[in-house]
Amino acid sequence: MSPYRVIFVHGYTATPDCDWYPSLRPMLDNAHIDYVIPQLPGDEHPHAVDWIRSIHVEIQKTKKPIVLVGHSLGTRAILLYLERG
């Protein structure tokens, strides 16, 4: 198991089961990477505060160092989360 955890933050109207995530999962599993792709709330009407809260919840679940990877609006959500410190 990896010494860190990767949290993928999907983009607007996406889910953990679309875009490039299904193709990525087998590669991460084969490399024994600890990762999570949470389903963020809001569907077509997301609210930044809800996404930031979801990112925080995922971060709190581990004691490992975290790598945040955002796609599209997920990148903006990560930046907002980091800005709040």
PDB file of N, CA and C in Angstrom:
ATOM      1  N   MET A   1       0.851  -1.188   0.000  1.00  0.00           N
ATOM      2  CA  MET A   1       0.000   0.000   0.000  1.00  0.00           C
ATOM      3  C   MET A   1       0.890   1.242   0.000  1.00  0.00           C
ATOM      4  N   SER A   2       0.442   2.258  -0.667  1.00  0.00           N
ATOM      5  CA  SER A   2       1.236   3.475  -0.812  1.00  0.00           C
ATOM      6  C   SER A   2       1.313   4.252   0.505  1.00  0.00           C
ATOM      7  N   PRO A   3       2.375   5.029   0.673  1.00  0.00           N
ATOM      8  CA  PRO A   3       2.543   5.816   1.898  1.00  0.00           C
ATOM      9  C   PRO A   3       1.702   7.097   1.898  1.00  0.00           C
ATOM     10  N   TYR A   4       0.955   7.327   0.854  1.00  0.00           N
ATOM     11  CA  TYR A   4       0.119   8.513   0.733  1.00  0.00           C
ATOM     12  C   TYR A   4      -1.240   8.101   0.189  1.00  0.00           C
ATOM     13  N   ARG A   5      -2.185   9.023   0.226  1.00  0.00           N
ATOM     14  CA  ARG A   5      -3.518   8.786  -0.330  1.00  0.00           C
ATOM     15  C   ARG A   5      -3.824   9.864  -1.358  1.00  0.00           C
ATOM     16  N   VAL A   6      -4.309   9.441  -2.505  1.00  0.00           N
ATOM     17  CA  VAL A   6      -4.681  10.361  -3.571  1.00  0.00           C
ATOM     18  C   VAL A   6      -6.195  10.559  -3.524  1.00  0.00           C
ATOM     19  N   ILE A   7      -6.609  11.804  -3.487  1.00  0.00           N
ATOM     20  CA  ILE A   7      -8.037  12.133  -3.532  1.00  0.00           C
ATOM     21  C   ILE A   7      -8.293  12.829  -4.865  1.00  0.00           C
ATOM     22  N   PHE A   8      -9.086  12.180  -5.703  1.00  0.00           N
ATOM     23  CA  PHE A   8      -9.464  12.749  -6.987  1.00  0.00           C
ATOM     24  C   PHE A   8     -10.768  13.526  -6.800  1.00  0.00           C
ATOM     25  N   VAL A   9     -10.794  14.744  -7.307  1.00  0.00           N
ATOM     26  CA  VAL A   9     -11.989  15.590  -7.204  1.00  0.00           C
ATOM     27  C   VAL A   9     -12.497  15.833  -8.622  1.00  0.00           C
ATOM     28  N   HIS A  10     -13.631  15.205  -8.934  1.00  0.00           N
ATOM     29  CA  HIS A  10     -14.163  15.283 -10.297  1.00  0.00           C
ATOM     30  C   HIS A  10     -14.699  16.663 -10.626  1.00  0.00           C
ATOM     31  N   GLY A  11     -15.017  16.848 -11.884  1.00  0.00           N
ATOM     32  CA  GLY A  11     -15.504  18.131 -12.367  1.00  0.00           C
ATOM     33  C   GLY A  11     -17.025  18.229 -12.389  1.00  0.00           C
ATOM     34  N   TYR A  12     -17.471  19.323 -12.928  1.00  0.00           N
ATOM     35  CA  TYR A  12     -18.895  19.650 -13.036  1.00  0.00           C
ATOM     36  C   TYR A  12     -19.653  18.576 -13.806  1.00  0.00           C
ATOM     37  N   THR A  13     -20.754  18.141 -13.280  1.00  0.00           N
ATOM     38  CA  THR A  13     -21.665  17.111 -13.808  1.00  0.00           C
ATOM     39  C   THR A  13     -20.999  15.741 -13.975  1.00  0.00           C
ATOM     40  N   ALA A  14     -19.816  15.570 -13.455  1.00  0.00           N
ATOM     41  CA  ALA A  14     -19.133  14.282 -13.564  1.00  0.00           C
ATOM     42  C   ALA A  14     -19.457  13.409 -12.350  1.00  0.00           C
ATOM     43  N   THR A  15     -19.002  12.180 -12.418  1.00  0.00           N
ATOM     44  CA  THR A  15     -19.137  11.232 -11.316  1.00  0.00           C
ATOM     45  C   THR A  15     -17.866  10.391 -11.269  1.00  0.00           C
ATOM     46  N   PRO A  16     -17.669   9.624 -10.217  1.00  0.00           N
ATOM     47  CA  PRO A  16     -16.523   8.718 -10.164  1.00  0.00           C
ATOM     48  C   PRO A  16     -16.588   7.613 -11.222  1.00  0.00           C
ATOM     49  N   ASP A  17     -17.724   7.459 -11.866  1.00  0.00           N
ATOM     50  CA  ASP A  17     -17.903   6.392 -12.848  1.00  0.00           C
ATOM     51  C   ASP A  17     -17.901   6.883 -14.290  1.00  0.00           C
ATOM     52  N   CYS A  18     -17.470   8.118 -14.536  1.00  0.00           N
ATOM     53  CA  CYS A  18     -17.428   8.619 -15.910  1.00  0.00           C
ATOM     54  C   CYS A  18     -16.068   9.241 -16.201  1.00  0.00           C
ATOM     55  N   ASP A  19     -15.948   9.815 -17.359  1.00  0.00           N
ATOM     56  CA  ASP A  19     -14.712  10.430 -17.828  1.00  0.00           C
ATOM     57  C   ASP A  19     -13.582   9.400 -17.819  1.00  0.00           C
ATOM     58  N   TRP A  20     -12.438   9.758 -17.303  1.00  0.00           N
ATOM     59  CA  TRP A  20     -11.276   8.882 -17.325  1.00  0.00           C
ATOM     60  C   TRP A  20     -11.106   8.055 -16.065  1.00  0.00           C
ATOM     61  N   TYR A  21     -11.994   8.210 -15.107  1.00  0.00           N
ATOM     62  CA  TYR A  21     -11.839   7.477 -13.838  1.00  0.00           C
ATOM     63  C   TYR A  21     -11.952   5.952 -13.984  1.00  0.00           C
ATOM     64  N   PRO A  22     -12.901   5.427 -14.757  1.00  0.00           N
ATOM     65  CA  PRO A  22     -12.950   3.965 -14.906  1.00  0.00           C
ATOM     66  C   PRO A  22     -11.673   3.372 -15.501  1.00  0.00           C
ATOM     67  N   SER A  23     -11.032   4.084 -16.407  1.00  0.00           N
ATOM     68  CA  SER A  23      -9.779   3.601 -16.992  1.00  0.00           C
ATOM     69  C   SER A  23      -8.615   3.726 -16.014  1.00  0.00           C
ATOM     70  N   LEU A  24      -8.694   4.701 -15.144  1.00  0.00           N
ATOM     71  CA  LEU A  24      -7.618   4.960 -14.194  1.00  0.00           C
ATOM     72  C   LEU A  24      -7.595   3.959 -13.039  1.00  0.00           C
ATOM     73  N   ARG A  25      -8.763   3.526 -12.605  1.00  0.00           N
ATOM     74  CA  ARG A  25      -8.865   2.635 -11.439  1.00  0.00           C
ATOM     75  C   ARG A  25      -7.981   1.391 -11.534  1.00  0.00           C
ATOM     76  N   PRO A  26      -8.043   0.617 -12.632  1.00  0.00           N
ATOM     77  CA  PRO A  26      -7.202  -0.588 -12.695  1.00  0.00           C
ATOM     78  C   PRO A  26      -5.709  -0.283 -12.584  1.00  0.00           C
ATOM     79  N   MET A  27      -5.275   0.823 -13.172  1.00  0.00           N
ATOM     80  CA  MET A  27      -3.863   1.190 -13.094  1.00  0.00           C
ATOM     81  C   MET A  27      -3.459   1.529 -11.659  1.00  0.00           C
ATOM     82  N   LEU A  28      -4.314   2.276 -10.965  1.00  0.00           N
ATOM     83  CA  LEU A  28      -4.032   2.616  -9.567  1.00  0.00           C
ATOM     84  C   LEU A  28      -4.045   1.372  -8.690  1.00  0.00           C
ATOM     85  N   ASP A  29      -5.006   0.496  -8.925  1.00  0.00           N
ATOM     86  CA  ASP A  29      -5.083  -0.744  -8.151  1.00  0.00           C
ATOM     87  C   ASP A  29      -3.844  -1.611  -8.377  1.00  0.00           C
ATOM     88  N   ASN A  30      -3.410  -1.742  -9.627  1.00  0.00           N
ATOM     89  CA  ASN A  30      -2.228  -2.545  -9.937  1.00  0.00           C
ATOM     90  C   ASN A  30      -0.961  -1.972  -9.311  1.00  0.00           C
ATOM     91  N   ALA A  31      -0.923  -0.659  -9.167  1.00  0.00           N
ATOM     92  CA  ALA A  31       0.235   0.007  -8.562  1.00  0.00           C
ATOM     93  C   ALA A  31       0.107   0.092  -7.033  1.00  0.00           C
ATOM     94  N   HIS A  32      -0.975  -0.453  -6.489  1.00  0.00           N
ATOM     95  CA  HIS A  32      -1.236  -0.445  -5.040  1.00  0.00           C
ATOM     96  C   HIS A  32      -1.269   0.980  -4.472  1.00  0.00           C
ATOM     97  N   ILE A  33      -1.860   1.878  -5.234  1.00  0.00           N
ATOM     98  CA  ILE A  33      -2.025   3.261  -4.797  1.00  0.00           C
ATOM     99  C   ILE A  33      -3.295   3.365  -3.972  1.00  0.00           C
ATOM    100  N   ASP A  34      -3.188   3.993  -2.819  1.00  0.00           N
ATOM    101  CA  ASP A  34      -4.350   4.259  -1.971  1.00  0.00           C
ATOM    102  C   ASP A  34      -5.032   5.512  -2.525  1.00  0.00           C
ATOM    103  N   TYR A  35      -6.272   5.369  -2.962  1.00  0.00           N
ATOM    104  CA  TYR A  35      -6.966   6.499  -3.581  1.00  0.00           C
ATOM    105  C   TYR A  35      -8.458   6.430  -3.282  1.00  0.00           C
ATOM    106  N   VAL A  36      -9.106   7.559  -3.520  1.00  0.00           N
ATOM    107  CA  VAL A  36     -10.556   7.641  -3.415  1.00  0.00           C
ATOM    108  C   VAL A  36     -11.034   8.649  -4.461  1.00  0.00           C
ATOM    109  N   ILE A  37     -12.201   8.353  -5.022  1.00  0.00           N
ATOM    110  CA  ILE A  37     -12.849   9.268  -5.965  1.00  0.00           C
ATOM    111  C   ILE A  37     -14.257   9.498  -5.419  1.00  0.00           C
ATOM    112  N   PRO A  38     -14.421  10.458  -4.530  1.00  0.00           N
ATOM    113  CA  PRO A  38     -15.739  10.643  -3.909  1.00  0.00           C
ATOM    114  C   PRO A  38     -16.758  11.241  -4.873  1.00  0.00           C
ATOM    115  N   GLN A  39     -17.996  10.866  -4.670  1.00  0.00           N
ATOM    116  CA  GLN A  39     -19.100  11.479  -5.408  1.00  0.00           C
ATOM    117  C   GLN A  39     -19.422  12.790  -4.719  1.00  0.00           C
ATOM    118  N   LEU A  40     -19.244  13.880  -5.411  1.00  0.00           N
ATOM    119  CA  LEU A  40     -19.512  15.181  -4.825  1.00  0.00           C
ATOM    120  C   LEU A  40     -20.970  15.567  -5.041  1.00  0.00           C
ATOM    121  N   PRO A  41     -21.544  16.284  -4.083  1.00  0.00           N
ATOM    122  CA  PRO A  41     -22.975  16.600  -4.141  1.00  0.00           C
ATOM    123  C   PRO A  41     -23.302  17.718  -5.135  1.00  0.00           C
ATOM    124  N   GLY A  42     -24.538  17.769  -5.534  1.00  0.00           N
ATOM    125  CA  GLY A  42     -25.050  18.894  -6.288  1.00  0.00           C
ATOM    126  C   GLY A  42     -25.371  18.635  -7.740  1.00  0.00           C
ATOM    127  N   ASP A  43     -24.873  17.546  -8.299  1.00  0.00           N
ATOM    128  CA  ASP A  43     -25.131  17.229  -9.709  1.00  0.00           C
ATOM    129  C   ASP A  43     -24.926  18.456 -10.596  1.00  0.00           C
ATOM    130  N   GLU A  44     -25.980  18.928 -11.246  1.00  0.00           N
ATOM    131  CA  GLU A  44     -25.856  20.074 -12.147  1.00  0.00           C
ATOM    132  C   GLU A  44     -25.961  21.413 -11.424  1.00  0.00           C
ATOM    133  N   HIS A  45     -26.147  21.385 -10.107  1.00  0.00           N
ATOM    134  CA  HIS A  45     -26.249  22.614  -9.319  1.00  0.00           C
ATOM    135  C   HIS A  45     -25.346  22.528  -8.092  1.00  0.00           C
ATOM    136  N   PRO A  46     -24.025  22.397  -8.316  1.00  0.00           N
ATOM    137  CA  PRO A  46     -23.114  22.253  -7.182  1.00  0.00           C
ATOM    138  C   PRO A  46     -22.926  23.571  -6.430  1.00  0.00           C
ATOM    139  N   HIS A  47     -22.624  23.441  -5.162  1.00  0.00           N
ATOM    140  CA  HIS A  47     -22.314  24.594  -4.321  1.00  0.00           C
ATOM    141  C   HIS A  47     -20.918  24.391  -3.752  1.00  0.00           C
ATOM    142  N   ALA A  48     -20.097  25.414  -3.865  1.00  0.00           N
ATOM    143  CA  ALA A  48     -18.697  25.304  -3.439  1.00  0.00           C
ATOM    144  C   ALA A  48     -18.578  24.831  -1.998  1.00  0.00           C
ATOM    145  N   VAL A  49     -19.411  25.339  -1.125  1.00  0.00           N
ATOM    146  CA  VAL A  49     -19.306  24.966   0.289  1.00  0.00           C
ATOM    147  C   VAL A  49     -19.527  23.458   0.482  1.00  0.00           C
ATOM    148  N   ASP A  50     -20.407  22.872  -0.284  1.00  0.00           N
ATOM    149  CA  ASP A  50     -20.658  21.428  -0.180  1.00  0.00           C
ATOM    150  C   ASP A  50     -19.470  20.623  -0.696  1.00  0.00           C
ATOM    151  N   TRP A  51     -18.868  21.067  -1.776  1.00  0.00           N
ATOM    152  CA  TRP A  51     -17.709  20.360  -2.314  1.00  0.00           C
ATOM    153  C   TRP A  51     -16.524  20.494  -1.361  1.00  0.00           C
ATOM    154  N   ILE A  52     -16.331  21.673  -0.822  1.00  0.00           N
ATOM    155  CA  ILE A  52     -15.236  21.888   0.136  1.00  0.00           C
ATOM    156  C   ILE A  52     -15.427  20.993   1.357  1.00  0.00           C
ATOM    157  N   ARG A  53     -16.638  20.896   1.831  1.00  0.00           N
ATOM    158  CA  ARG A  53     -16.940  20.024   2.976  1.00  0.00           C
ATOM    159  C   ARG A  53     -16.644  18.566   2.635  1.00  0.00           C
ATOM    160  N   SER A  54     -16.997  18.129   1.446  1.00  0.00           N
ATOM    161  CA  SER A  54     -16.740  16.751   1.017  1.00  0.00           C
ATOM    162  C   SER A  54     -15.245  16.463   0.928  1.00  0.00           C
ATOM    163  N   ILE A  55     -14.483  17.406   0.411  1.00  0.00           N
ATOM    164  CA  ILE A  55     -13.025  17.251   0.355  1.00  0.00           C
ATOM    165  C   ILE A  55     -12.469  17.132   1.766  1.00  0.00           C
ATOM    166  N   HIS A  56     -12.933  17.978   2.654  1.00  0.00           N
ATOM    167  CA  HIS A  56     -12.472  17.951   4.044  1.00  0.00           C
ATOM    168  C   HIS A  56     -12.776  16.601   4.705  1.00  0.00           C
ATOM    169  N   VAL A  57     -13.956  16.079   4.485  1.00  0.00           N
ATOM    170  CA  VAL A  57     -14.337  14.781   5.052  1.00  0.00           C
ATOM    171  C   VAL A  57     -13.378  13.693   4.570  1.00  0.00           C
ATOM    172  N   GLU A  58     -13.060  13.679   3.291  1.00  0.00           N
ATOM    173  CA  GLU A  58     -12.133  12.672   2.762  1.00  0.00           C
ATOM    174  C   GLU A  58     -10.740  12.827   3.359  1.00  0.00           C
ATOM    175  N   ILE A  59     -10.290  14.052   3.513  1.00  0.00           N
ATOM    176  CA  ILE A  59      -8.965  14.290   4.094  1.00  0.00           C
ATOM    177  C   ILE A  59      -8.916  13.820   5.542  1.00  0.00           C
ATOM    178  N   GLN A  60     -10.001  14.033   6.269  1.00  0.00           N
ATOM    179  CA  GLN A  60     -10.042  13.636   7.681  1.00  0.00           C
ATOM    180  C   GLN A  60     -10.054  12.126   7.876  1.00  0.00           C
ATOM    181  N   LYS A  61     -10.347  11.366   6.837  1.00  0.00           N
ATOM    182  CA  LYS A  61     -10.430   9.907   6.944  1.00  0.00           C
ATOM    183  C   LYS A  61      -9.067   9.224   6.994  1.00  0.00           C
ATOM    184  N   THR A  62      -7.992   9.947   6.761  1.00  0.00           N
ATOM    185  CA  THR A  62      -6.674   9.311   6.707  1.00  0.00           C
ATOM    186  C   THR A  62      -5.641  10.094   7.505  1.00  0.00           C
ATOM    187  N   LYS A  63      -4.644   9.398   7.952  1.00  0.00           N
ATOM    188  CA  LYS A  63      -3.501  10.009   8.640  1.00  0.00           C
ATOM    189  C   LYS A  63      -2.304  10.122   7.692  1.00  0.00           C
ATOM    190  N   LYS A  64      -2.454   9.591   6.479  1.00  0.00           N
ATOM    191  CA  LYS A  64      -1.375   9.619   5.499  1.00  0.00           C
ATOM    192  C   LYS A  64      -1.256  11.001   4.865  1.00  0.00           C
ATOM    193  N   PRO A  65      -0.093  11.295   4.287  1.00  0.00           N
ATOM    194  CA  PRO A  65       0.000  12.495   3.455  1.00  0.00           C
ATOM    195  C   PRO A  65      -1.001  12.389   2.300  1.00  0.00           C
ATOM    196  N   ILE A  66      -1.500  13.524   1.877  1.00  0.00           N
ATOM    197  CA  ILE A  66      -2.558  13.584   0.865  1.00  0.00           C
ATOM    198  C   ILE A  66      -2.021  14.188  -0.425  1.00  0.00           C
ATOM    199  N   VAL A  67      -2.458  13.629  -1.540  1.00  0.00           N
ATOM    200  CA  VAL A  67      -2.236  14.212  -2.863  1.00  0.00           C
ATOM    201  C   VAL A  67      -3.625  14.512  -3.414  1.00  0.00           C
ATOM    202  N   LEU A  68      -3.883  15.774  -3.733  1.00  0.00           N
ATOM    203  CA  LEU A  68      -5.170  16.177  -4.291  1.00  0.00           C
ATOM    204  C   LEU A  68      -5.029  16.345  -5.798  1.00  0.00           C
ATOM    205  N   VAL A  69      -5.932  15.703  -6.544  1.00  0.00           N
ATOM    206  CA  VAL A  69      -5.922  15.789  -8.008  1.00  0.00           C
ATOM    207  C   VAL A  69      -7.306  16.236  -8.452  1.00  0.00           C
ATOM    208  N   GLY A  70      -7.360  17.397  -9.080  1.00  0.00           N
ATOM    209  CA  GLY A  70      -8.638  17.922  -9.530  1.00  0.00           C
ATOM    210  C   GLY A  70      -8.775  17.891 -11.037  1.00  0.00           C
ATOM    211  N   HIS A  71     -10.008  17.759 -11.477  1.00  0.00           N
ATOM    212  CA  HIS A  71     -10.324  17.841 -12.898  1.00  0.00           C
ATOM    213  C   HIS A  71     -11.392  18.905 -13.074  1.00  0.00           C
ATOM    214  N   SER A  72     -11.149  19.858 -13.946  1.00  0.00           N
ATOM    215  CA  SER A  72     -12.129  20.880 -14.269  1.00  0.00           C
ATOM    216  C   SER A  72     -12.542  21.631 -13.002  1.00  0.00           C
ATOM    217  N   LEU A  73     -13.826  21.677 -12.701  1.00  0.00           N
ATOM    218  CA  LEU A  73     -14.303  22.400 -11.524  1.00  0.00           C
ATOM    219  C   LEU A  73     -13.742  21.812 -10.221  1.00  0.00           C
ATOM    220  N   GLY A  74     -13.345  20.552 -10.255  1.00  0.00           N
ATOM    221  CA  GLY A  74     -12.727  19.946  -9.082  1.00  0.00           C
ATOM    222  C   GLY A  74     -11.431  20.643  -8.688  1.00  0.00           C
ATOM    223  N   THR A  75     -10.701  21.133  -9.680  1.00  0.00           N
ATOM    224  CA  THR A  75      -9.474  21.883  -9.399  1.00  0.00           C
ATOM    225  C   THR A  75      -9.794  23.160  -8.639  1.00  0.00           C
ATOM    226  N   ARG A  76     -10.825  23.838  -9.056  1.00  0.00           N
ATOM    227  CA  ARG A  76     -11.250  25.068  -8.367  1.00  0.00           C
ATOM    228  C   ARG A  76     -11.688  24.758  -6.942  1.00  0.00           C
ATOM    229  N   ALA A  77     -12.397  23.667  -6.743  1.00  0.00           N
ATOM    230  CA  ALA A  77     -12.837  23.279  -5.401  1.00  0.00           C
ATOM    231  C   ALA A  77     -11.635  23.000  -4.500  1.00  0.00           C
ATOM    232  N   ILE A  78     -10.616  22.338  -5.041  1.00  0.00           N
ATOM    233  CA  ILE A  78      -9.404  22.086  -4.266  1.00  0.00           C
ATOM    234  C   ILE A  78      -8.734  23.398  -3.874  1.00  0.00           C
ATOM    235  N   LEU A  79      -8.623  24.316  -4.811  1.00  0.00           N
ATOM    236  CA  LEU A  79      -8.008  25.611  -4.505  1.00  0.00           C
ATOM    237  C   LEU A  79      -8.785  26.365  -3.426  1.00  0.00           C
ATOM    238  N   LEU A  80     -10.104  26.334  -3.504  1.00  0.00           N
ATOM    239  CA  LEU A  80     -10.919  26.976  -2.476  1.00  0.00           C
ATOM    240  C   LEU A  80     -10.708  26.308  -1.117  1.00  0.00           C
ATOM    241  N   TYR A  81     -10.612  24.978  -1.109  1.00  0.00           N
ATOM    242  CA  TYR A  81     -10.365  24.257   0.128  1.00  0.00           C
ATOM    243  C   TYR A  81      -9.014  24.660   0.725  1.00  0.00           C
ATOM    244  N   LEU A  82      -7.989  24.666  -0.091  1.00  0.00           N
ATOM    245  CA  LEU A  82      -6.643  25.008   0.390  1.00  0.00           C
ATOM    246  C   LEU A  82      -6.561  26.463   0.853  1.00  0.00           C
ATOM    247  N   GLU A  83      -7.294  27.330   0.195  1.00  0.00           N
ATOM    248  CA  GLU A  83      -7.287  28.748   0.565  1.00  0.00           C
ATOM    249  C   GLU A  83      -7.851  28.965   1.962  1.00  0.00           C
ATOM    250  N   ARG A  84      -8.805  28.141   2.354  1.00  0.00           N
ATOM    251  CA  ARG A  84      -9.429  28.291   3.673  1.00  0.00           C
ATOM    252  C   ARG A  84      -8.552  27.785   4.796  1.00  0.00           C
ATOM    253  N   GLY A  85      -7.500  27.016   4.416  1.00  0.00           N
ATOM    254  CA  GLY A  85      -6.484  26.543   5.357  1.00  0.00           C
ATOM    255  C   GLY A  85      -7.040  25.715   6.422  1.00  0.00           C
TER     256      GLY A  85
END
